[in-house]
Amino acid sequence: MKTKLLVLLLFISVSFSFAQNTTTQNQPKDALSEFSISPNPAKDKLNLKLNSFSAILNLEVYDVLGKRIYKKSINRLETSIDVSNWKSGVYLVRVSNDETTQTKRFIKQ
């Protein structure tokens, strides 16, 4: 069972990485600046900080099974997500606009 879960997690991780790389490959670098998440691992609150942006962005969080569990539009350089009621595990944070997508992984303790 643990082996199947690890294989599934690896598959999802690679799939999101591939999707991220293919969508950003031909896009201008400044279309969506790099973002950071902290703390990682997170216990109660996950902070997201953008270097800069020029439009409203979509923020989505997915669990390891690929199910979207959180969605929000971002219109600020910094935002926080309350993760205190989420199950422990690995999550993928995806920030996107009409031109590009970036994904990062975080661990919920």
PDB file of N, CA and C in Angstrom:
ATOM      1  N   MET A   1       0.831  -1.200   0.000  1.00  0.00           N
ATOM      2  CA  MET A   1       0.000   0.000   0.000  1.00  0.00           C
ATOM      3  C   MET A   1       0.872   1.258   0.000  1.00  0.00           C
ATOM      4  N   LYS A   2       1.927   1.279   0.840  1.00  0.00           N
ATOM      5  CA  LYS A   2       2.807   2.443   0.888  1.00  0.00           C
ATOM      6  C   LYS A   2       3.532   2.629  -0.440  1.00  0.00           C
ATOM      7  N   THR A   3       3.920   1.528  -1.050  1.00  0.00           N
ATOM      8  CA  THR A   3       4.603   1.604  -2.340  1.00  0.00           C
ATOM      9  C   THR A   3       3.683   2.196  -3.401  1.00  0.00           C
ATOM     10  N   LYS A   4       2.426   1.770  -3.418  1.00  0.00           N
ATOM     11  CA  LYS A   4       1.469   2.304  -4.394  1.00  0.00           C
ATOM     12  C   LYS A   4       1.262   3.799  -4.182  1.00  0.00           C
ATOM     13  N   LEU A   5       1.183   4.218  -2.932  1.00  0.00           N
ATOM     14  CA  LEU A   5       0.995   5.635  -2.627  1.00  0.00           C
ATOM     15  C   LEU A   5       2.210   6.444  -3.063  1.00  0.00           C
ATOM     16  N   LEU A   6       3.414   5.921  -2.821  1.00  0.00           N
ATOM     17  CA  LEU A   6       4.622   6.625  -3.231  1.00  0.00           C
ATOM     18  C   LEU A   6       4.708   6.737  -4.752  1.00  0.00           C
ATOM     19  N   VAL A   7       4.351   5.673  -5.451  1.00  0.00           N
ATOM     20  CA  VAL A   7       4.358   5.705  -6.912  1.00  0.00           C
ATOM     21  C   VAL A   7       3.337   6.725  -7.416  1.00  0.00           C
ATOM     22  N   LEU A   8       2.160   6.750  -6.817  1.00  0.00           N
ATOM     23  CA  LEU A   8       1.129   7.711  -7.203  1.00  0.00           C
ATOM     24  C   LEU A   8       1.606   9.137  -6.945  1.00  0.00           C
ATOM     25  N   LEU A   9       2.217   9.378  -5.790  1.00  0.00           N
ATOM     26  CA  LEU A   9       2.735  10.702  -5.453  1.00  0.00           C
ATOM     27  C   LEU A   9       3.794  11.129  -6.455  1.00  0.00           C
ATOM     28  N   LEU A  10       4.694  10.226  -6.807  1.00  0.00           N
ATOM     29  CA  LEU A  10       5.730  10.537  -7.781  1.00  0.00           C
ATOM     30  C   LEU A  10       5.110  10.857  -9.140  1.00  0.00           C
ATOM     31  N   PHE A  11       4.126  10.074  -9.565  1.00  0.00           N
ATOM     32  CA  PHE A  11       3.451  10.299 -10.835  1.00  0.00           C
ATOM     33  C   PHE A  11       2.791  11.683 -10.871  1.00  0.00           C
ATOM     34  N   ILE A  12       2.078  12.026  -9.807  1.00  0.00           N
ATOM     35  CA  ILE A  12       1.398  13.326  -9.750  1.00  0.00           C
ATOM     36  C   ILE A  12       2.417  14.448  -9.764  1.00  0.00           C
ATOM     37  N   SER A  13       3.484  14.291  -9.012  1.00  0.00           N
ATOM     38  CA  SER A  13       4.533  15.300  -8.951  1.00  0.00           C
ATOM     39  C   SER A  13       5.155  15.529 -10.323  1.00  0.00           C
ATOM     40  N   VAL A  14       5.473  14.450 -11.003  1.00  0.00           N
ATOM     41  CA  VAL A  14       6.068  14.547 -12.340  1.00  0.00           C
ATOM     42  C   VAL A  14       5.064  15.155 -13.316  1.00  0.00           C
ATOM     43  N   SER A  15       3.807  14.768 -13.204  1.00  0.00           N
ATOM     44  CA  SER A  15       2.773  15.315 -14.093  1.00  0.00           C
ATOM     45  C   SER A  15       2.633  16.816 -13.928  1.00  0.00           C
ATOM     46  N   PHE A  16       2.597  17.299 -12.673  1.00  0.00           N
ATOM     47  CA  PHE A  16       2.487  18.729 -12.436  1.00  0.00           C
ATOM     48  C   PHE A  16       3.744  19.448 -12.904  1.00  0.00           C
ATOM     49  N   SER A  17       4.916  18.857 -12.673  1.00  0.00           N
ATOM     50  CA  SER A  17       6.164  19.468 -13.130  1.00  0.00           C
ATOM     51  C   SER A  17       6.189  19.564 -14.644  1.00  0.00           C
ATOM     52  N   PHE A  18       5.767  18.499 -15.311  1.00  0.00           N
ATOM     53  CA  PHE A  18       5.730  18.504 -16.769  1.00  0.00           C
ATOM     54  C   PHE A  18       4.760  19.565 -17.278  1.00  0.00           C
ATOM     55  N   ALA A  19       3.583  19.629 -16.669  1.00  0.00           N
ATOM     56  CA  ALA A  19       2.584  20.626 -17.075  1.00  0.00           C
ATOM     57  C   ALA A  19       3.122  22.030 -16.860  1.00  0.00           C
ATOM     58  N   GLN A  20       3.803  22.240 -15.738  1.00  0.00           N
ATOM     59  CA  GLN A  20       4.370  23.552 -15.448  1.00  0.00           C
ATOM     60  C   GLN A  20       5.430  23.901 -16.476  1.00  0.00           C
ATOM     61  N   ASN A  21       6.323  22.981 -16.786  1.00  0.00           N
ATOM     62  CA  ASN A  21       7.393  23.246 -17.728  1.00  0.00           C
ATOM     63  C   ASN A  21       6.871  23.484 -19.133  1.00  0.00           C
ATOM     64  N   THR A  22       5.848  22.775 -19.544  1.00  0.00           N
ATOM     65  CA  THR A  22       5.332  22.951 -20.897  1.00  0.00           C
ATOM     66  C   THR A  22       4.557  24.248 -21.034  1.00  0.00           C
ATOM     67  N   THR A  23       3.913  24.706 -19.972  1.00  0.00           N
ATOM     68  CA  THR A  23       3.148  25.948 -20.087  1.00  0.00           C
ATOM     69  C   THR A  23       4.046  27.172 -19.986  1.00  0.00           C
ATOM     70  N   THR A  24       5.181  27.077 -19.308  1.00  0.00           N
ATOM     71  CA  THR A  24       6.044  28.245 -19.148  1.00  0.00           C
ATOM     72  C   THR A  24       7.162  28.285 -20.165  1.00  0.00           C
ATOM     73  N   GLN A  25       7.322  27.261 -20.938  1.00  0.00           N
ATOM     74  CA  GLN A  25       8.448  27.140 -21.841  1.00  0.00           C
ATOM     75  C   GLN A  25       8.551  28.300 -22.831  1.00  0.00           C
ATOM     76  N   ASN A  26       7.472  28.696 -23.447  1.00  0.00           N
ATOM     77  CA  ASN A  26       7.512  29.733 -24.462  1.00  0.00           C
ATOM     78  C   ASN A  26       6.942  31.062 -23.984  1.00  0.00           C
ATOM     79  N   GLN A  27       6.790  31.213 -22.692  1.00  0.00           N
ATOM     80  CA  GLN A  27       6.206  32.428 -22.150  1.00  0.00           C
ATOM     81  C   GLN A  27       7.296  33.404 -21.713  1.00  0.00           C
ATOM     82  N   PRO A  28       7.019  34.706 -21.746  1.00  0.00           N
ATOM     83  CA  PRO A  28       7.983  35.671 -21.239  1.00  0.00           C
ATOM     84  C   PRO A  28       8.210  35.447 -19.750  1.00  0.00           C
ATOM     85  N   LYS A  29       9.432  35.661 -19.312  1.00  0.00           N
ATOM     86  CA  LYS A  29       9.762  35.398 -17.909  1.00  0.00           C
ATOM     87  C   LYS A  29       8.999  36.288 -16.950  1.00  0.00           C
ATOM     88  N   ASP A  30       8.673  37.517 -17.354  1.00  0.00           N
ATOM     89  CA  ASP A  30       8.003  38.431 -16.431  1.00  0.00           C
ATOM     90  C   ASP A  30       6.485  38.285 -16.437  1.00  0.00           C
ATOM     91  N   ALA A  31       5.929  37.315 -17.176  1.00  0.00           N
ATOM     92  CA  ALA A  31       4.481  37.129 -17.198  1.00  0.00           C
ATOM     93  C   ALA A  31       3.960  36.775 -15.812  1.00  0.00           C
ATOM     94  N   LEU A  32       4.707  35.981 -15.070  1.00  0.00           N
ATOM     95  CA  LEU A  32       4.364  35.628 -13.697  1.00  0.00           C
ATOM     96  C   LEU A  32       5.665  35.439 -12.958  1.00  0.00           C
ATOM     97  N   SER A  33       5.954  36.335 -12.028  1.00  0.00           N
ATOM     98  CA  SER A  33       7.207  36.229 -11.284  1.00  0.00           C
ATOM     99  C   SER A  33       7.191  35.012 -10.377  1.00  0.00           C
ATOM    100  N   GLU A  34       8.354  34.602 -10.009  1.00  0.00           N
ATOM    101  CA  GLU A  34       8.534  33.499  -9.074  1.00  0.00           C
ATOM    102  C   GLU A  34       7.788  33.813  -7.773  1.00  0.00           C
ATOM    103  N   PHE A  35       7.250  32.782  -7.126  1.00  0.00           N
ATOM    104  CA  PHE A  35       6.615  32.974  -5.834  1.00  0.00           C
ATOM    105  C   PHE A  35       7.284  32.067  -4.817  1.00  0.00           C
ATOM    106  N   SER A  36       7.118  32.418  -3.550  1.00  0.00           N
ATOM    107  CA  SER A  36       7.686  31.593  -2.478  1.00  0.00           C
ATOM    108  C   SER A  36       6.591  31.258  -1.481  1.00  0.00           C
ATOM    109  N   ILE A  37       6.759  30.106  -0.826  1.00  0.00           N
ATOM    110  CA  ILE A  37       5.833  29.693   0.221  1.00  0.00           C
ATOM    111  C   ILE A  37       6.629  29.424   1.482  1.00  0.00           C
ATOM    112  N   SER A  38       6.029  29.777   2.609  1.00  0.00           N
ATOM    113  CA  SER A  38       6.672  29.541   3.899  1.00  0.00           C
ATOM    114  C   SER A  38       5.597  29.505   4.977  1.00  0.00           C
ATOM    115  N   PRO A  39       5.801  28.885   6.087  1.00  0.00           N
ATOM    116  CA  PRO A  39       6.890  27.938   6.331  1.00  0.00           C
ATOM    117  C   PRO A  39       6.620  26.647   5.576  1.00  0.00           C
ATOM    118  N   ASN A  40       7.652  25.887   5.382  1.00  0.00           N
ATOM    119  CA  ASN A  40       7.504  24.592   4.727  1.00  0.00           C
ATOM    120  C   ASN A  40       8.420  23.603   5.437  1.00  0.00           C
ATOM    121  N   PRO A  41       7.883  22.734   6.242  1.00  0.00           N
ATOM    122  CA  PRO A  41       6.476  22.337   6.380  1.00  0.00           C
ATOM    123  C   PRO A  41       5.654  23.364   7.165  1.00  0.00           C
ATOM    124  N   ALA A  42       4.352  23.376   6.885  1.00  0.00           N
ATOM    125  CA  ALA A  42       3.420  24.297   7.532  1.00  0.00           C
ATOM    126  C   ALA A  42       2.534  23.535   8.503  1.00  0.00           C
ATOM    127  N   LYS A  43       2.151  24.203   9.581  1.00  0.00           N
ATOM    128  CA  LYS A  43       1.287  23.581  10.579  1.00  0.00           C
ATOM    129  C   LYS A  43      -0.101  24.218  10.593  1.00  0.00           C
ATOM    130  N   ASP A  44      -0.152  25.541  10.695  1.00  0.00           N
ATOM    131  CA  ASP A  44      -1.428  26.247  10.792  1.00  0.00           C
ATOM    132  C   ASP A  44      -1.702  27.188   9.620  1.00  0.00           C
ATOM    133  N   LYS A  45      -0.649  27.859   9.156  1.00  0.00           N
ATOM    134  CA  LYS A  45      -0.820  28.879   8.135  1.00  0.00           C
ATOM    135  C   LYS A  45       0.299  28.764   7.105  1.00  0.00           C
ATOM    136  N   LEU A  46      -0.071  28.869   5.828  1.00  0.00           N
ATOM    137  CA  LEU A  46       0.892  28.866   4.738  1.00  0.00           C
ATOM    138  C   LEU A  46       0.914  30.265   4.139  1.00  0.00           C
ATOM    139  N   ASN A  47       2.079  30.885   4.106  1.00  0.00           N
ATOM    140  CA  ASN A  47       2.236  32.222   3.542  1.00  0.00           C
ATOM    141  C   ASN A  47       2.768  32.127   2.123  1.00  0.00           C
ATOM    142  N   LEU A  48       2.176  32.891   1.249  1.00  0.00           N
ATOM    143  CA  LEU A  48       2.579  32.913  -0.146  1.00  0.00           C
ATOM    144  C   LEU A  48       3.000  34.333  -0.493  1.00  0.00           C
ATOM    145  N   LYS A  49       4.179  34.469  -1.093  1.00  0.00           N
ATOM    146  CA  LYS A  49       4.696  35.792  -1.433  1.00  0.00           C
ATOM    147  C   LYS A  49       5.131  35.800  -2.892  1.00  0.00           C
ATOM    148  N   LEU A  50       4.606  36.764  -3.651  1.00  0.00           N
ATOM    149  CA  LEU A  50       4.974  36.952  -5.054  1.00  0.00           C
ATOM    150  C   LEU A  50       6.029  38.040  -5.142  1.00  0.00           C
ATOM    151  N   ASN A  51       6.970  37.891  -6.059  1.00  0.00           N
ATOM    152  CA  ASN A  51       7.962  38.951  -6.273  1.00  0.00           C
ATOM    153  C   ASN A  51       7.309  40.160  -6.917  1.00  0.00           C
ATOM    154  N   SER A  52       6.433  39.920  -7.886  1.00  0.00           N
ATOM    155  CA  SER A  52       5.645  40.978  -8.522  1.00  0.00           C
ATOM    156  C   SER A  52       4.620  40.327  -9.433  1.00  0.00           C
ATOM    157  N   PHE A  53       3.618  41.074  -9.791  1.00  0.00           N
ATOM    158  CA  PHE A  53       2.647  40.592 -10.768  1.00  0.00           C
ATOM    159  C   PHE A  53       1.917  41.791 -11.346  1.00  0.00           C
ATOM    160  N   SER A  54       1.297  41.581 -12.497  1.00  0.00           N
ATOM    161  CA  SER A  54       0.644  42.697 -13.173  1.00  0.00           C
ATOM    162  C   SER A  54      -0.857  42.492 -13.342  1.00  0.00           C
ATOM    163  N   ALA A  55      -1.382  41.354 -12.874  1.00  0.00           N
ATOM    164  CA  ALA A  55      -2.814  41.085 -13.038  1.00  0.00           C
ATOM    165  C   ALA A  55      -3.281  40.186 -11.894  1.00  0.00           C
ATOM    166  N   ILE A  56      -4.560  39.951 -11.837  1.00  0.00           N
ATOM    167  CA  ILE A  56      -5.106  39.031 -10.842  1.00  0.00           C
ATOM    168  C   ILE A  56      -4.665  37.615 -11.199  1.00  0.00           C
ATOM    169  N   LEU A  57      -4.222  36.881 -10.193  1.00  0.00           N
ATOM    170  CA  LEU A  57      -3.725  35.529 -10.392  1.00  0.00           C
ATOM    171  C   LEU A  57      -4.653  34.530  -9.734  1.00  0.00           C
ATOM    172  N   ASN A  58      -4.630  33.309 -10.212  1.00  0.00           N
ATOM    173  CA  ASN A  58      -5.395  32.227  -9.600  1.00  0.00           C
ATOM    174  C   ASN A  58      -4.467  31.399  -8.731  1.00  0.00           C
ATOM    175  N   LEU A  59      -4.910  31.119  -7.518  1.00  0.00           N
ATOM    176  CA  LEU A  59      -4.177  30.273  -6.579  1.00  0.00           C
ATOM    177  C   LEU A  59      -5.002  29.017  -6.358  1.00  0.00           C
ATOM    178  N   GLU A  60      -4.387  27.855  -6.574  1.00  0.00           N
ATOM    179  CA  GLU A  60      -5.057  26.578  -6.365  1.00  0.00           C
ATOM    180  C   GLU A  60      -4.123  25.669  -5.588  1.00  0.00           C
ATOM    181  N   VAL A  61      -4.717  24.849  -4.712  1.00  0.00           N
ATOM    182  CA  VAL A  61      -3.945  23.861  -3.963  1.00  0.00           C
ATOM    183  C   VAL A  61      -4.560  22.501  -4.221  1.00  0.00           C
ATOM    184  N   TYR A  62      -3.687  21.523  -4.520  1.00  0.00           N
ATOM    185  CA  TYR A  62      -4.104  20.156  -4.820  1.00  0.00           C
ATOM    186  C   TYR A  62      -3.498  19.195  -3.808  1.00  0.00           C
ATOM    187  N   ASP A  63      -4.253  18.141  -3.464  1.00  0.00           N
ATOM    188  CA  ASP A  63      -3.692  17.095  -2.614  1.00  0.00           C
ATOM    189  C   ASP A  63      -2.911  16.116  -3.489  1.00  0.00           C
ATOM    190  N   VAL A  64      -2.327  15.096  -2.875  1.00  0.00           N
ATOM    191  CA  VAL A  64      -1.486  14.163  -3.627  1.00  0.00           C
ATOM    192  C   VAL A  64      -2.271  13.318  -4.623  1.00  0.00           C
ATOM    193  N   LEU A  65      -3.566  13.262  -4.478  1.00  0.00           N
ATOM    194  CA  LEU A  65      -4.384  12.516  -5.416  1.00  0.00           C
ATOM    195  C   LEU A  65      -4.831  13.366  -6.600  1.00  0.00           C
ATOM    196  N   GLY A  66      -4.427  14.639  -6.609  1.00  0.00           N
ATOM    197  CA  GLY A  66      -4.774  15.530  -7.707  1.00  0.00           C
ATOM    198  C   GLY A  66      -6.095  16.242  -7.533  1.00  0.00           C
ATOM    199  N   LYS A  67      -6.706  16.119  -6.371  1.00  0.00           N
ATOM    200  CA  LYS A  67      -7.985  16.779  -6.107  1.00  0.00           C
ATOM    201  C   LYS A  67      -7.731  18.217  -5.646  1.00  0.00           C
ATOM    202  N   ARG A  68      -8.410  19.165  -6.311  1.00  0.00           N
ATOM    203  CA  ARG A  68      -8.269  20.560  -5.898  1.00  0.00           C
ATOM    204  C   ARG A  68      -9.016  20.753  -4.583  1.00  0.00           C
ATOM    205  N   ILE A  69      -8.312  21.261  -3.581  1.00  0.00           N
ATOM    206  CA  ILE A  69      -8.929  21.451  -2.267  1.00  0.00           C
ATOM    207  C   ILE A  69      -9.049  22.914  -1.879  1.00  0.00           C
ATOM    208  N   TYR A  70      -8.447  23.798  -2.683  1.00  0.00           N
ATOM    209  CA  TYR A  70      -8.497  25.220  -2.348  1.00  0.00           C
ATOM    210  C   TYR A  70      -8.361  26.023  -3.640  1.00  0.00           C
ATOM    211  N   LYS A  71      -9.122  27.103  -3.745  1.00  0.00           N
ATOM    212  CA  LYS A  71      -9.038  27.988  -4.907  1.00  0.00           C
ATOM    213  C   LYS A  71      -9.325  29.412  -4.457  1.00  0.00           C
ATOM    214  N   LYS A  72      -8.524  30.353  -4.972  1.00  0.00           N
ATOM    215  CA  LYS A  72      -8.683  31.756  -4.587  1.00  0.00           C
ATOM    216  C   LYS A  72      -8.046  32.630  -5.666  1.00  0.00           C
ATOM    217  N   SER A  73      -8.592  33.811  -5.877  1.00  0.00           N
ATOM    218  CA  SER A  73      -7.956  34.801  -6.749  1.00  0.00           C
ATOM    219  C   SER A  73      -7.057  35.679  -5.892  1.00  0.00           C
ATOM    220  N   ILE A  74      -5.888  35.977  -6.407  1.00  0.00           N
ATOM    221  CA  ILE A  74      -4.912  36.788  -5.666  1.00  0.00           C
ATOM    222  C   ILE A  74      -4.813  38.145  -6.337  1.00  0.00           C
ATOM    223  N   ASN A  75      -4.876  39.192  -5.528  1.00  0.00           N
ATOM    224  CA  ASN A  75      -4.683  40.540  -6.050  1.00  0.00           C
ATOM    225  C   ASN A  75      -3.695  41.333  -5.194  1.00  0.00           C
ATOM    226  N   ARG A  76      -2.872  40.590  -4.431  1.00  0.00           N
ATOM    227  CA  ARG A  76      -1.850  41.218  -3.576  1.00  0.00           C
ATOM    228  C   ARG A  76      -0.530  40.467  -3.737  1.00  0.00           C
ATOM    229  N   LEU A  77       0.552  41.073  -3.293  1.00  0.00           N
ATOM    230  CA  LEU A  77       1.852  40.416  -3.355  1.00  0.00           C
ATOM    231  C   LEU A  77       2.006  39.342  -2.285  1.00  0.00           C
ATOM    232  N   GLU A  78       1.269  39.456  -1.180  1.00  0.00           N
ATOM    233  CA  GLU A  78       1.358  38.478  -0.103  1.00  0.00           C
ATOM    234  C   GLU A  78      -0.038  38.034   0.321  1.00  0.00           C
ATOM    235  N   THR A  79      -0.176  36.748   0.592  1.00  0.00           N
ATOM    236  CA  THR A  79      -1.444  36.197   1.068  1.00  0.00           C
ATOM    237  C   THR A  79      -1.150  35.000   1.952  1.00  0.00           C
ATOM    238  N   SER A  80      -2.118  34.605   2.753  1.00  0.00           N
ATOM    239  CA  SER A  80      -1.971  33.454   3.646  1.00  0.00           C
ATOM    240  C   SER A  80      -3.151  32.520   3.476  1.00  0.00           C
ATOM    241  N   ILE A  81      -2.894  31.244   3.714  1.00  0.00           N
ATOM    242  CA  ILE A  81      -3.925  30.218   3.648  1.00  0.00           C
ATOM    243  C   ILE A  81      -3.963  29.520   4.997  1.00  0.00           C
ATOM    244  N   ASP A  82      -5.154  29.392   5.575  1.00  0.00           N
ATOM    245  CA  ASP A  82      -5.321  28.647   6.822  1.00  0.00           C
ATOM    246  C   ASP A  82      -5.344  27.158   6.482  1.00  0.00           C
ATOM    247  N   VAL A  83      -4.307  26.448   6.910  1.00  0.00           N
ATOM    248  CA  VAL A  83      -4.209  25.011   6.627  1.00  0.00           C
ATOM    249  C   VAL A  83      -4.372  24.174   7.894  1.00  0.00           C
ATOM    250  N   SER A  84      -4.807  24.797   8.977  1.00  0.00           N
ATOM    251  CA  SER A  84      -4.877  24.111  10.274  1.00  0.00           C
ATOM    252  C   SER A  84      -5.815  22.906  10.260  1.00  0.00           C
ATOM    253  N   ASN A  85      -6.853  22.931   9.436  1.00  0.00           N
ATOM    254  CA  ASN A  85      -7.808  21.816   9.396  1.00  0.00           C
ATOM    255  C   ASN A  85      -7.514  20.802   8.296  1.00  0.00           C
ATOM    256  N   TRP A  86      -6.432  21.005   7.554  1.00  0.00           N
ATOM    257  CA  TRP A  86      -6.077  20.082   6.486  1.00  0.00           C
ATOM    258  C   TRP A  86      -5.376  18.864   7.057  1.00  0.00           C
ATOM    259  N   LYS A  87      -5.488  17.738   6.372  1.00  0.00           N
ATOM    260  CA  LYS A  87      -4.798  16.525   6.781  1.00  0.00           C
ATOM    261  C   LYS A  87      -3.303  16.680   6.545  1.00  0.00           C
ATOM    262  N   SER A  88      -2.507  16.004   7.352  1.00  0.00           N
ATOM    263  CA  SER A  88      -1.059  16.003   7.153  1.00  0.00           C
ATOM    264  C   SER A  88      -0.732  15.335   5.832  1.00  0.00           C
ATOM    265  N   GLY A  89       0.264  15.877   5.143  1.00  0.00           N
ATOM    266  CA  GLY A  89       0.667  15.279   3.882  1.00  0.00           C
ATOM    267  C   GLY A  89       1.297  16.291   2.943  1.00  0.00           C
ATOM    268  N   VAL A  90       1.463  15.889   1.696  1.00  0.00           N
ATOM    269  CA  VAL A  90       2.087  16.715   0.668  1.00  0.00           C
ATOM    270  C   VAL A  90       1.000  17.363  -0.181  1.00  0.00           C
ATOM    271  N   TYR A  91       1.177  18.642  -0.469  1.00  0.00           N
ATOM    272  CA  TYR A  91       0.232  19.403  -1.281  1.00  0.00           C
ATOM    273  C   TYR A  91       0.995  20.162  -2.361  1.00  0.00           C
ATOM    274  N   LEU A  92       0.313  20.474  -3.449  1.00  0.00           N
ATOM    275  CA  LEU A  92       0.891  21.248  -4.531  1.00  0.00           C
ATOM    276  C   LEU A  92       0.162  22.580  -4.635  1.00  0.00           C
ATOM    277  N   VAL A  93       0.927  23.663  -4.612  1.00  0.00           N
ATOM    278  CA  VAL A  93       0.385  25.018  -4.716  1.00  0.00           C
ATOM    279  C   VAL A  93       0.652  25.506  -6.133  1.00  0.00           C
ATOM    280  N   ARG A  94      -0.402  25.895  -6.825  1.00  0.00           N
ATOM    281  CA  ARG A  94      -0.282  26.332  -8.212  1.00  0.00           C
ATOM    282  C   ARG A  94      -0.770  27.765  -8.340  1.00  0.00           C
ATOM    283  N   VAL A  95       0.079  28.627  -8.886  1.00  0.00           N
ATOM    284  CA  VAL A  95      -0.266  30.019  -9.155  1.00  0.00           C
ATOM    285  C   VAL A  95      -0.228  30.195 -10.667  1.00  0.00           C
ATOM    286  N   SER A  96      -1.299  30.776 -11.215  1.00  0.00           N
ATOM    287  CA  SER A  96      -1.362  30.905 -12.675  1.00  0.00           C
ATOM    288  C   SER A  96      -2.074  32.187 -13.091  1.00  0.00           C
ATOM    289  N   ASN A  97      -1.800  32.586 -14.324  1.00  0.00           N
ATOM    290  CA  ASN A  97      -2.548  33.639 -14.982  1.00  0.00           C
ATOM    291  C   ASN A  97      -2.869  33.133 -16.386  1.00  0.00           C
ATOM    292  N   ASP A  98      -3.295  34.003 -17.282  1.00  0.00           N
ATOM    293  CA  ASP A  98      -3.668  33.563 -18.627  1.00  0.00           C
ATOM    294  C   ASP A  98      -2.484  33.075 -19.446  1.00  0.00           C
ATOM    295  N   GLU A  99      -1.272  33.439 -19.043  1.00  0.00           N
ATOM    296  CA  GLU A  99      -0.096  33.138 -19.847  1.00  0.00           C
ATOM    297  C   GLU A  99       0.769  32.008 -19.311  1.00  0.00           C
ATOM    298  N   THR A 100       0.824  31.823 -18.015  1.00  0.00           N
ATOM    299  CA  THR A 100       1.778  30.872 -17.450  1.00  0.00           C
ATOM    300  C   THR A 100       1.298  30.299 -16.123  1.00  0.00           C
ATOM    301  N   THR A 101       1.948  29.235 -15.690  1.00  0.00           N
ATOM    302  CA  THR A 101       1.615  28.561 -14.441  1.00  0.00           C
ATOM    303  C   THR A 101       2.899  28.165 -13.729  1.00  0.00           C
ATOM    304  N   GLN A 102       2.897  28.310 -12.407  1.00  0.00           N
ATOM    305  CA  GLN A 102       4.015  27.834 -11.596  1.00  0.00           C
ATOM    306  C   GLN A 102       3.458  26.999 -10.454  1.00  0.00           C
ATOM    307  N   THR A 103       4.162  25.922 -10.126  1.00  0.00           N
ATOM    308  CA  THR A 103       3.725  25.013  -9.078  1.00  0.00           C
ATOM    309  C   THR A 103       4.843  24.757  -8.091  1.00  0.00           C
ATOM    310  N   LYS A 104       4.497  24.754  -6.809  1.00  0.00           N
ATOM    311  CA  LYS A 104       5.446  24.405  -5.734  1.00  0.00           C
ATOM    312  C   LYS A 104       4.785  23.403  -4.812  1.00  0.00           C
ATOM    313  N   ARG A 105       5.621  22.652  -4.145  1.00  0.00           N
ATOM    314  CA  ARG A 105       5.135  21.615  -3.224  1.00  0.00           C
ATOM    315  C   ARG A 105       5.369  22.067  -1.790  1.00  0.00           C
ATOM    316  N   PHE A 106       4.412  21.747  -0.905  1.00  0.00           N
ATOM    317  CA  PHE A 106       4.629  21.973   0.520  1.00  0.00           C
ATOM    318  C   PHE A 106       4.075  20.815   1.326  1.00  0.00           C
ATOM    319  N   ILE A 107       4.557  20.717   2.544  1.00  0.00           N
ATOM    320  CA  ILE A 107       4.160  19.646   3.449  1.00  0.00           C
ATOM    321  C   ILE A 107       3.356  20.236   4.585  1.00  0.00           C
ATOM    322  N   LYS A 108       2.204  19.647   4.846  1.00  0.00           N
ATOM    323  CA  LYS A 108       1.365  20.021   5.987  1.00  0.00           C
ATOM    324  C   LYS A 108       1.679  19.059   7.116  1.00  0.00           C
ATOM    325  N   GLN A 109       2.109  19.587   8.242  1.00  0.00           N
ATOM    326  CA  GLN A 109       2.412  18.746   9.407  1.00  0.00           C
ATOM    327  C   GLN A 109       1.162  18.352  10.129  1.00  0.00           C
TER     328      GLN A 109
END
